[in-house]
PDB file of N, CA and C in Angstrom:
ATOM      1  N   UNK A   1      77.336 -36.646 -98.861  1.00  0.00           N
ATOM      2  CA  UNK A   1      77.003 -35.391 -99.503  1.00  0.00           C
ATOM      3  C   UNK A   1      77.828 -34.279 -98.863  1.00  0.00           C
ATOM      4  N   UNK A   2      78.295 -33.368 -99.665  1.00  0.00           N
ATOM      5  CA  UNK A   2      79.087 -32.247 -99.180  1.00  0.00           C
ATOM      6  C   UNK A   2      78.175 -31.171 -98.622  1.00  0.00           C
ATOM      7  N   UNK A   3      78.545 -30.627 -97.489  1.00  0.00           N
ATOM      8  CA  UNK A   3      77.762 -29.556 -96.867  1.00  0.00           C
ATOM      9  C   UNK A   3      78.090 -28.218 -97.529  1.00  0.00           C
ATOM     10  N   UNK A   4      77.062 -27.445 -97.849  1.00  0.00           N
ATOM     11  CA  UNK A   4      77.256 -26.132 -98.463  1.00  0.00           C
ATOM     12  C   UNK A   4      77.766 -25.145 -97.420  1.00  0.00           C
ATOM     13  N   UNK A   5      78.656 -24.272 -97.853  1.00  0.00           N
ATOM     14  CA  UNK A   5      79.170 -23.226 -96.973  1.00  0.00           C
ATOM     15  C   UNK A   5      78.972 -21.878 -97.631  1.00  0.00           C
ATOM     16  N   UNK A   6      78.685 -20.879 -96.840  1.00  0.00           N
ATOM     17  CA  UNK A   6      78.574 -19.517 -97.346  1.00  0.00           C
ATOM     18  C   UNK A   6      79.840 -18.764 -97.018  1.00  0.00           C
ATOM     19  N   UNK A   7      80.270 -17.957 -97.970  1.00  0.00           N
ATOM     20  CA  UNK A   7      81.421 -17.102 -97.721  1.00  0.00           C
ATOM     21  C   UNK A   7      80.963 -15.887 -96.934  1.00  0.00           C
ATOM     22  N   UNK A   8      81.799 -15.431 -96.042  1.00  0.00           N
ATOM     23  CA  UNK A   8      81.452 -14.215 -95.311  1.00  0.00           C
ATOM     24  C   UNK A   8      81.716 -13.018 -96.215  1.00  0.00           C
ATOM     25  N   UNK A   9      80.875 -12.028 -96.101  1.00  0.00           N
ATOM     26  CA  UNK A   9      81.012 -10.829 -96.921  1.00  0.00           C
ATOM     27  C   UNK A   9      80.878  -9.603 -96.029  1.00  0.00           C
ATOM     28  N   UNK A  10      81.696  -8.620 -96.297  1.00  0.00           N
ATOM     29  CA  UNK A  10      81.614  -7.365 -95.572  1.00  0.00           C
ATOM     30  C   UNK A  10      80.709  -6.435 -96.360  1.00  0.00           C
ATOM     31  N   UNK A  11      79.689  -5.925 -95.711  1.00  0.00           N
ATOM     32  CA  UNK A  11      78.771  -5.011 -96.376  1.00  0.00           C
ATOM     33  C   UNK A  11      79.305  -3.593 -96.280  1.00  0.00           C
ATOM     34  N   UNK A  12      78.977  -2.812 -97.298  1.00  0.00           N
ATOM     35  CA  UNK A  12      79.341  -1.403 -97.288  1.00  0.00           C
ATOM     36  C   UNK A  12      78.423  -0.630 -96.360  1.00  0.00           C
ATOM     37  N   UNK A  13      78.577   0.675 -96.316  1.00  0.00           N
ATOM     38  CA  UNK A  13      77.713   1.509 -95.496  1.00  0.00           C
ATOM     39  C   UNK A  13      76.260   1.428 -95.977  1.00  0.00           C
ATOM     40  N   UNK A  14      75.332   1.572 -95.051  1.00  0.00           N
ATOM     41  CA  UNK A  14      73.906   1.536 -95.385  1.00  0.00           C
ATOM     42  C   UNK A  14      73.512   2.755 -96.205  1.00  0.00           C
ATOM     43  N   UNK A  15      72.605   2.550 -97.146  1.00  0.00           N
ATOM     44  CA  UNK A  15      72.018   3.635 -97.940  1.00  0.00           C
ATOM     45  C   UNK A  15      70.505   3.471 -97.888  1.00  0.00           C
ATOM     46  N   UNK A  16      69.795   4.566 -98.091  1.00  0.00           N
ATOM     47  CA  UNK A  16      68.330   4.516 -98.097  1.00  0.00           C
ATOM     48  C   UNK A  16      67.825   5.121 -99.389  1.00  0.00           C
ATOM     49  N   UNK A  17      66.962   4.370-100.060  1.00  0.00           N
ATOM     50  CA  UNK A  17      66.271   4.880-101.239  1.00  0.00           C
ATOM     51  C   UNK A  17      64.791   4.590-101.031  1.00  0.00           C
ATOM     52  N   UNK A  18      63.958   5.102-101.913  1.00  0.00           N
ATOM     53  CA  UNK A  18      62.518   4.902-101.772  1.00  0.00           C
ATOM     54  C   UNK A  18      61.981   4.063-102.917  1.00  0.00           C
ATOM     55  N   UNK A  19      61.171   3.078-102.576  1.00  0.00           N
ATOM     56  CA  UNK A  19      60.490   2.249-103.564  1.00  0.00           C
ATOM     57  C   UNK A  19      58.995   2.418-103.341  1.00  0.00           C
ATOM     58  N   UNK A  20      58.329   2.931-104.353  1.00  0.00           N
ATOM     59  CA  UNK A  20      56.887   3.183-104.251  1.00  0.00           C
ATOM     60  C   UNK A  20      56.568   4.041-103.023  1.00  0.00           C
ATOM     61  N   UNK A  21      57.467   5.001-102.733  1.00  0.00           N
ATOM     62  CA  UNK A  21      57.252   5.937-101.633  1.00  0.00           C
ATOM     63  C   UNK A  21      57.677   5.433-100.264  1.00  0.00           C
ATOM     64  N   UNK A  22      58.098   4.176-100.167  1.00  0.00           N
ATOM     65  CA  UNK A  22      58.502   3.604 -98.879  1.00  0.00           C
ATOM     66  C   UNK A  22      60.021   3.493 -98.806  1.00  0.00           C
ATOM     67  N   UNK A  23      60.615   3.842 -97.662  1.00  0.00           N
ATOM     68  CA  UNK A  23      62.075   3.744 -97.548  1.00  0.00           C
ATOM     69  C   UNK A  23      62.539   2.285 -97.561  1.00  0.00           C
ATOM     70  N   UNK A  24      63.640   2.049 -98.263  1.00  0.00           N
ATOM     71  CA  UNK A  24      64.265   0.728 -98.329  1.00  0.00           C
ATOM     72  C   UNK A  24      65.740   0.917 -98.001  1.00  0.00           C
ATOM     73  N   UNK A  25      66.258   0.074 -97.136  1.00  0.00           N
ATOM     74  CA  UNK A  25      67.672   0.133 -96.793  1.00  0.00           C
ATOM     75  C   UNK A  25      68.433  -0.872 -97.632  1.00  0.00           C
ATOM     76  N   UNK A  26      69.503  -0.411 -98.238  1.00  0.00           N
ATOM     77  CA  UNK A  26      70.425  -1.261 -98.965  1.00  0.00           C
ATOM     78  C   UNK A  26      71.823  -0.948 -98.478  1.00  0.00           C
ATOM     79  N   UNK A  27      72.812  -1.493 -99.143  1.00  0.00           N
ATOM     80  CA  UNK A  27      74.196  -1.264 -98.735  1.00  0.00           C
ATOM     81  C   UNK A  27      75.031  -0.937 -99.960  1.00  0.00           C
ATOM     82  N   UNK A  28      75.965  -0.015 -99.810  1.00  0.00           N
ATOM     83  CA  UNK A  28      76.854   0.354-100.905  1.00  0.00           C
ATOM     84  C   UNK A  28      77.482  -0.910-101.476  1.00  0.00           C
ATOM     85  N   UNK A  29      77.481  -0.991-102.797  1.00  0.00           N
ATOM     86  CA  UNK A  29      78.033  -2.154-103.468  1.00  0.00           C
ATOM     87  C   UNK A  29      76.992  -3.201-103.812  1.00  0.00           C
ATOM     88  N   UNK A  30      75.783  -3.074-103.270  1.00  0.00           N
ATOM     89  CA  UNK A  30      74.706  -4.000-103.598  1.00  0.00           C
ATOM     90  C   UNK A  30      73.787  -3.370-104.638  1.00  0.00           C
ATOM     91  N   UNK A  31      73.080  -4.194-105.367  1.00  0.00           N
ATOM     92  CA  UNK A  31      72.180  -3.693-106.394  1.00  0.00           C
ATOM     93  C   UNK A  31      70.807  -3.371-105.815  1.00  0.00           C
ATOM     94  N   UNK A  32      70.036  -2.620-106.592  1.00  0.00           N
ATOM     95  CA  UNK A  32      68.644  -2.366-106.208  1.00  0.00           C
ATOM     96  C   UNK A  32      67.888  -3.678-106.055  1.00  0.00           C
ATOM     97  N   UNK A  33      68.122  -4.618-106.973  1.00  0.00           N
ATOM     98  CA  UNK A  33      67.429  -5.913-106.907  1.00  0.00           C
ATOM     99  C   UNK A  33      67.724  -6.615-105.582  1.00  0.00           C
ATOM    100  N   UNK A  34      68.976  -6.606-105.158  1.00  0.00           N
ATOM    101  CA  UNK A  34      69.353  -7.244-103.897  1.00  0.00           C
ATOM    102  C   UNK A  34      68.618  -6.606-102.731  1.00  0.00           C
ATOM    103  N   UNK A  35      68.616  -5.277-102.686  1.00  0.00           N
ATOM    104  CA  UNK A  35      67.960  -4.561-101.588  1.00  0.00           C
ATOM    105  C   UNK A  35      66.447  -4.794-101.604  1.00  0.00           C
ATOM    106  N   UNK A  36      65.842  -4.778-102.788  1.00  0.00           N
ATOM    107  CA  UNK A  36      64.391  -4.975-102.877  1.00  0.00           C
ATOM    108  C   UNK A  36      64.001  -6.399-102.508  1.00  0.00           C
ATOM    109  N   UNK A  37      64.788  -7.375-102.942  1.00  0.00           N
ATOM    110  CA  UNK A  37      64.504  -8.760-102.559  1.00  0.00           C
ATOM    111  C   UNK A  37      64.666  -8.944-101.051  1.00  0.00           C
ATOM    112  N   UNK A  38      65.710  -8.347-100.461  1.00  0.00           N
ATOM    113  CA  UNK A  38      65.922  -8.438 -99.017  1.00  0.00           C
ATOM    114  C   UNK A  38      64.783  -7.772 -98.242  1.00  0.00           C
ATOM    115  N   UNK A  39      64.175  -6.736 -98.845  1.00  0.00           N
ATOM    116  CA  UNK A  39      63.047  -6.035 -98.220  1.00  0.00           C
ATOM    117  C   UNK A  39      61.718  -6.747 -98.497  1.00  0.00           C
ATOM    118  N   UNK A  40      61.787  -7.901 -99.147  1.00  0.00           N
ATOM    119  CA  UNK A  40      60.626  -8.737 -99.459  1.00  0.00           C
ATOM    120  C   UNK A  40      59.589  -8.024-100.327  1.00  0.00           C
ATOM    121  N   UNK A  41      60.073  -7.238-101.279  1.00  0.00           N
ATOM    122  CA  UNK A  41      59.178  -6.598-102.246  1.00  0.00           C
ATOM    123  C   UNK A  41      58.568  -7.700-103.105  1.00  0.00           C
ATOM    124  N   UNK A  42      57.256  -7.679-103.251  1.00  0.00           N
ATOM    125  CA  UNK A  42      56.547  -8.774-103.923  1.00  0.00           C
ATOM    126  C   UNK A  42      56.530  -8.662-105.439  1.00  0.00           C
ATOM    127  N   UNK A  43      56.790  -7.491-105.989  1.00  0.00           N
ATOM    128  CA  UNK A  43      56.809  -7.324-107.446  1.00  0.00           C
ATOM    129  C   UNK A  43      57.603  -6.080-107.801  1.00  0.00           C
ATOM    130  N   UNK A  44      58.513  -6.218-108.761  1.00  0.00           N
ATOM    131  CA  UNK A  44      59.282  -5.073-109.249  1.00  0.00           C
ATOM    132  C   UNK A  44      58.491  -4.337-110.315  1.00  0.00           C
ATOM    133  N   UNK A  45      57.617  -5.035-110.981  1.00  0.00           N
ATOM    134  CA  UNK A  45      56.804  -4.459-112.040  1.00  0.00           C
ATOM    135  C   UNK A  45      55.628  -5.366-112.324  1.00  0.00           C
ATOM    136  N   UNK A  46      54.807  -4.944-113.276  1.00  0.00           N
ATOM    137  CA  UNK A  46      53.630  -5.728-113.653  1.00  0.00           C
ATOM    138  C   UNK A  46      53.625  -5.922-115.164  1.00  0.00           C
ATOM    139  N   UNK A  47      53.217  -7.093-115.589  1.00  0.00           N
ATOM    140  CA  UNK A  47      53.063  -7.347-117.016  1.00  0.00           C
ATOM    141  C   UNK A  47      51.835  -6.612-117.523  1.00  0.00           C
ATOM    142  N   UNK A  48      51.607  -6.654-118.821  1.00  0.00           N
ATOM    143  CA  UNK A  48      50.394  -6.036-119.384  1.00  0.00           C
ATOM    144  C   UNK A  48      49.136  -6.632-118.783  1.00  0.00           C
ATOM    145  N   UNK A  49      49.212  -7.898-118.428  1.00  0.00           N
ATOM    146  CA  UNK A  49      48.053  -8.590-117.843  1.00  0.00           C
ATOM    147  C   UNK A  49      47.919  -8.323-116.345  1.00  0.00           C
ATOM    148  N   UNK A  50      48.902  -7.634-115.763  1.00  0.00           N
ATOM    149  CA  UNK A  50      48.830  -7.302-114.344  1.00  0.00           C
ATOM    150  C   UNK A  50      49.506  -8.306-113.423  1.00  0.00           C
ATOM    151  N   UNK A  51      50.188  -9.297-113.993  1.00  0.00           N
ATOM    152  CA  UNK A  51      50.899 -10.260-113.155  1.00  0.00           C
ATOM    153  C   UNK A  51      52.231  -9.668-112.689  1.00  0.00           C
ATOM    154  N   UNK A  52      52.627  -9.996-111.457  1.00  0.00           N
ATOM    155  CA  UNK A  52      53.865  -9.434-110.914  1.00  0.00           C
ATOM    156  C   UNK A  52      55.109  -9.982-111.597  1.00  0.00           C
ATOM    157  N   UNK A  53      56.133  -9.135-111.656  1.00  0.00           N
ATOM    158  CA  UNK A  53      57.427  -9.535-112.209  1.00  0.00           C
ATOM    159  C   UNK A  53      58.490  -9.376-111.134  1.00  0.00           C
ATOM    160  N   UNK A  54      59.353 -10.378-111.057  1.00  0.00           N
ATOM    161  CA  UNK A  54      60.496 -10.364-110.155  1.00  0.00           C
ATOM    162  C   UNK A  54      61.738 -10.740-110.951  1.00  0.00           C
ATOM    163  N   UNK A  55      62.928 -10.483-110.410  1.00  0.00           N
ATOM    164  CA  UNK A  55      64.141 -10.848-111.133  1.00  0.00           C
ATOM    165  C   UNK A  55      64.165 -12.335-111.464  1.00  0.00           C
ATOM    166  N   UNK A  56      64.662 -12.651-112.640  1.00  0.00           N
ATOM    167  CA  UNK A  56      64.771 -14.033-113.076  1.00  0.00           C
ATOM    168  C   UNK A  56      66.232 -14.443-113.171  1.00  0.00           C
ATOM    169  N   UNK A  57      67.016 -13.680-113.935  1.00  0.00           N
ATOM    170  CA  UNK A  57      68.406 -14.096-114.176  1.00  0.00           C
ATOM    171  C   UNK A  57      69.403 -13.422-113.222  1.00  0.00           C
ATOM    172  N   UNK A  58      69.082 -12.239-112.727  1.00  0.00           N
ATOM    173  CA  UNK A  58      69.972 -11.454-111.858  1.00  0.00           C
ATOM    174  C   UNK A  58      71.340 -11.178-112.470  1.00  0.00           C
ATOM    175  N   UNK A  59      71.400 -11.125-113.803  1.00  0.00           N
ATOM    176  CA  UNK A  59      72.669 -10.772-114.457  1.00  0.00           C
ATOM    177  C   UNK A  59      72.465  -9.870-115.663  1.00  0.00           C
ATOM    178  N   UNK A  60      71.274  -9.272-115.796  1.00  0.00           N
ATOM    179  CA  UNK A  60      71.043  -8.272-116.823  1.00  0.00           C
ATOM    180  C   UNK A  60      70.624  -8.792-118.175  1.00  0.00           C
ATOM    181  N   UNK A  61      70.265 -10.050-118.275  1.00  0.00           N
ATOM    182  CA  UNK A  61      69.899 -10.624-119.564  1.00  0.00           C
ATOM    183  C   UNK A  61      68.404 -10.575-119.840  1.00  0.00           C
ATOM    184  N   UNK A  62      67.571 -10.807-118.838  1.00  0.00           N
ATOM    185  CA  UNK A  62      66.149 -11.061-119.093  1.00  0.00           C
ATOM    186  C   UNK A  62      65.237  -9.840-119.017  1.00  0.00           C
ATOM    187  N   UNK A  63      65.616  -8.785-118.359  1.00  0.00           N
ATOM    188  CA  UNK A  63      64.799  -7.566-118.208  1.00  0.00           C
ATOM    189  C   UNK A  63      63.558  -7.769-117.323  1.00  0.00           C
ATOM    190  N   UNK A  64      63.448  -8.867-116.596  1.00  0.00           N
ATOM    191  CA  UNK A  64      62.301  -9.054-115.711  1.00  0.00           C
ATOM    192  C   UNK A  64      62.368  -8.163-114.477  1.00  0.00           C
ATOM    193  N   UNK A  65      63.507  -7.578-114.192  1.00  0.00           N
ATOM    194  CA  UNK A  65      63.662  -6.754-112.988  1.00  0.00           C
ATOM    195  C   UNK A  65      63.580  -5.260-113.275  1.00  0.00           C
ATOM    196  N   UNK A  66      63.122  -4.870-114.468  1.00  0.00           N
ATOM    197  CA  UNK A  66      63.139  -3.447-114.793  1.00  0.00           C
ATOM    198  C   UNK A  66      62.241  -2.640-113.867  1.00  0.00           C
ATOM    199  N   UNK A  67      62.736  -1.463-113.507  1.00  0.00           N
ATOM    200  CA  UNK A  67      62.032  -0.510-112.660  1.00  0.00           C
ATOM    201  C   UNK A  67      62.222   0.874-113.269  1.00  0.00           C
ATOM    202  N   UNK A  68      61.575   1.854-112.687  1.00  0.00           N
ATOM    203  CA  UNK A  68      61.796   3.248-113.062  1.00  0.00           C
ATOM    204  C   UNK A  68      62.599   3.892-111.939  1.00  0.00           C
ATOM    205  N   UNK A  69      63.724   4.525-112.280  1.00  0.00           N
ATOM    206  CA  UNK A  69      64.601   5.147-111.286  1.00  0.00           C
ATOM    207  C   UNK A  69      64.715   6.626-111.605  1.00  0.00           C
ATOM    208  N   UNK A  70      64.271   7.448-110.664  1.00  0.00           N
ATOM    209  CA  UNK A  70      64.318   8.910-110.840  1.00  0.00           C
ATOM    210  C   UNK A  70      63.727   9.335-112.183  1.00  0.00           C
ATOM    211  N   UNK A  71      62.632   8.695-112.567  1.00  0.00           N
ATOM    212  CA  UNK A  71      61.925   9.044-113.789  1.00  0.00           C
ATOM    213  C   UNK A  71      62.425   8.344-115.040  1.00  0.00           C
ATOM    214  N   UNK A  72      63.557   7.654-114.962  1.00  0.00           N
ATOM    215  CA  UNK A  72      64.094   6.935-116.128  1.00  0.00           C
ATOM    216  C   UNK A  72      63.523   5.523-116.142  1.00  0.00           C
ATOM    217  N   UNK A  73      62.800   5.204-117.217  1.00  0.00           N
ATOM    218  CA  UNK A  73      62.156   3.903-117.346  1.00  0.00           C
ATOM    219  C   UNK A  73      63.140   2.827-117.804  1.00  0.00           C
ATOM    220  N   UNK A  74      62.728   1.589-117.595  1.00  0.00           N
ATOM    221  CA  UNK A  74      63.449   0.406-118.080  1.00  0.00           C
ATOM    222  C   UNK A  74      64.878   0.289-117.549  1.00  0.00           C
ATOM    223  N   UNK A  75      65.053   0.604-116.279  1.00  0.00           N
ATOM    224  CA  UNK A  75      66.344   0.456-115.621  1.00  0.00           C
ATOM    225  C   UNK A  75      66.381  -0.943-114.998  1.00  0.00           C
ATOM    226  N   UNK A  76      67.413  -1.703-115.308  1.00  0.00           N
ATOM    227  CA  UNK A  76      67.527  -3.055-114.747  1.00  0.00           C
ATOM    228  C   UNK A  76      68.027  -2.974-113.310  1.00  0.00           C
ATOM    229  N   UNK A  77      67.180  -3.392-112.375  1.00  0.00           N
ATOM    230  CA  UNK A  77      67.505  -3.318-110.950  1.00  0.00           C
ATOM    231  C   UNK A  77      68.693  -4.205-110.588  1.00  0.00           C
ATOM    232  N   UNK A  78      68.893  -5.284-111.347  1.00  0.00           N
ATOM    233  CA  UNK A  78      69.991  -6.203-111.038  1.00  0.00           C
ATOM    234  C   UNK A  78      71.346  -5.655-111.453  1.00  0.00           C
ATOM    235  N   UNK A  79      71.371  -4.570-112.213  1.00  0.00           N
ATOM    236  CA  UNK A  79      72.631  -3.972-112.663  1.00  0.00           C
ATOM    237  C   UNK A  79      72.857  -2.573-112.092  1.00  0.00           C
ATOM    238  N   UNK A  80      71.912  -2.087-111.284  1.00  0.00           N
ATOM    239  CA  UNK A  80      71.973  -0.708-110.782  1.00  0.00           C
ATOM    240  C   UNK A  80      72.303  -0.710-109.300  1.00  0.00           C
ATOM    241  N   UNK A  81      73.370  -0.016-108.945  1.00  0.00           N
ATOM    242  CA  UNK A  81      73.791   0.027-107.552  1.00  0.00           C
ATOM    243  C   UNK A  81      72.823   0.853-106.705  1.00  0.00           C
ATOM    244  N   UNK A  82      72.523   0.359-105.525  1.00  0.00           N
ATOM    245  CA  UNK A  82      71.686   1.091-104.571  1.00  0.00           C
ATOM    246  C   UNK A  82      72.456   2.314-104.091  1.00  0.00           C
ATOM    247  N   UNK A  83      71.779   3.469-104.113  1.00  0.00           N
ATOM    248  CA  UNK A  83      72.396   4.721-103.672  1.00  0.00           C
ATOM    249  C   UNK A  83      71.386   5.523-102.862  1.00  0.00           C
ATOM    250  N   UNK A  84      71.901   6.331-101.957  1.00  0.00           N
ATOM    251  CA  UNK A  84      71.050   7.214-101.158  1.00  0.00           C
ATOM    252  C   UNK A  84      70.203   8.108-102.049  1.00  0.00           C
ATOM    253  N   UNK A  85      68.929   8.244-101.687  1.00  0.00           N
ATOM    254  CA  UNK A  85      68.063   9.232-102.304  1.00  0.00           C
ATOM    255  C   UNK A  85      67.390   8.839-103.596  1.00  0.00           C
ATOM    256  N   UNK A  86      67.674   7.647-104.139  1.00  0.00           N
ATOM    257  CA  UNK A  86      67.013   7.255-105.381  1.00  0.00           C
ATOM    258  C   UNK A  86      65.509   7.112-105.159  1.00  0.00           C
ATOM    259  N   UNK A  87      64.745   7.456-106.176  1.00  0.00           N
ATOM    260  CA  UNK A  87      63.296   7.278-106.162  1.00  0.00           C
ATOM    261  C   UNK A  87      62.981   6.177-107.191  1.00  0.00           C
ATOM    262  N   UNK A  88      62.594   5.006-106.693  1.00  0.00           N
ATOM    263  CA  UNK A  88      62.373   3.833-107.531  1.00  0.00           C
ATOM    264  C   UNK A  88      60.889   3.477-107.501  1.00  0.00           C
ATOM    265  N   UNK A  89      60.332   3.226-108.672  1.00  0.00           N
ATOM    266  CA  UNK A  89      58.927   2.800-108.760  1.00  0.00           C
ATOM    267  C   UNK A  89      58.832   1.576-109.649  1.00  0.00           C
ATOM    268  N   UNK A  90      57.703   0.881-109.521  1.00  0.00           N
ATOM    269  CA  UNK A  90      57.460  -0.293-110.358  1.00  0.00           C
ATOM    270  C   UNK A  90      57.334   0.120-111.812  1.00  0.00           C
ATOM    271  N   UNK A  91      57.788  -0.755-112.679  1.00  0.00           N
ATOM    272  CA  UNK A  91      57.624  -0.541-114.117  1.00  0.00           C
ATOM    273  C   UNK A  91      56.239  -1.024-114.524  1.00  0.00           C
ATOM    274  N   UNK A  92      55.545  -0.214-115.264  1.00  0.00           N
ATOM    275  CA  UNK A  92      54.229  -0.576-115.789  1.00  0.00           C
ATOM    276  C   UNK A  92      54.361  -0.864-117.277  1.00  0.00           C
ATOM    277  N   UNK A  93      54.138  -2.108-117.684  1.00  0.00           N
ATOM    278  CA  UNK A  93      54.204  -2.455-119.110  1.00  0.00           C
ATOM    279  C   UNK A  93      53.071  -1.769-119.837  1.00  0.00           C
ATOM    280  N   UNK A  94      53.370  -1.260-121.015  1.00  0.00           N
ATOM    281  CA  UNK A  94      52.324  -0.593-121.794  1.00  0.00           C
ATOM    282  C   UNK A  94      52.108  -1.288-123.115  1.00  0.00           C
TER     283      UNK A  94
END
């Protein structure tokens, strides 16, 4: 069996945004989804039934990672770059 190898990656400068009022550190060039998953966020949003939602496809197809960013609803976290000062909250399905 072939052993898996990881490529080394250089991270950009650190950025801080807030998720549900708590500071989260990400890095320039990374998405909100990446930073939130690294911060072990347990749910990006909730379904109508109240079940947690997390990213599924991580390429912008499924919409399971939608969040609210600076008051704008239905922003896909997997396609949005982490930036200093963003205010991110969970999406509430209505």
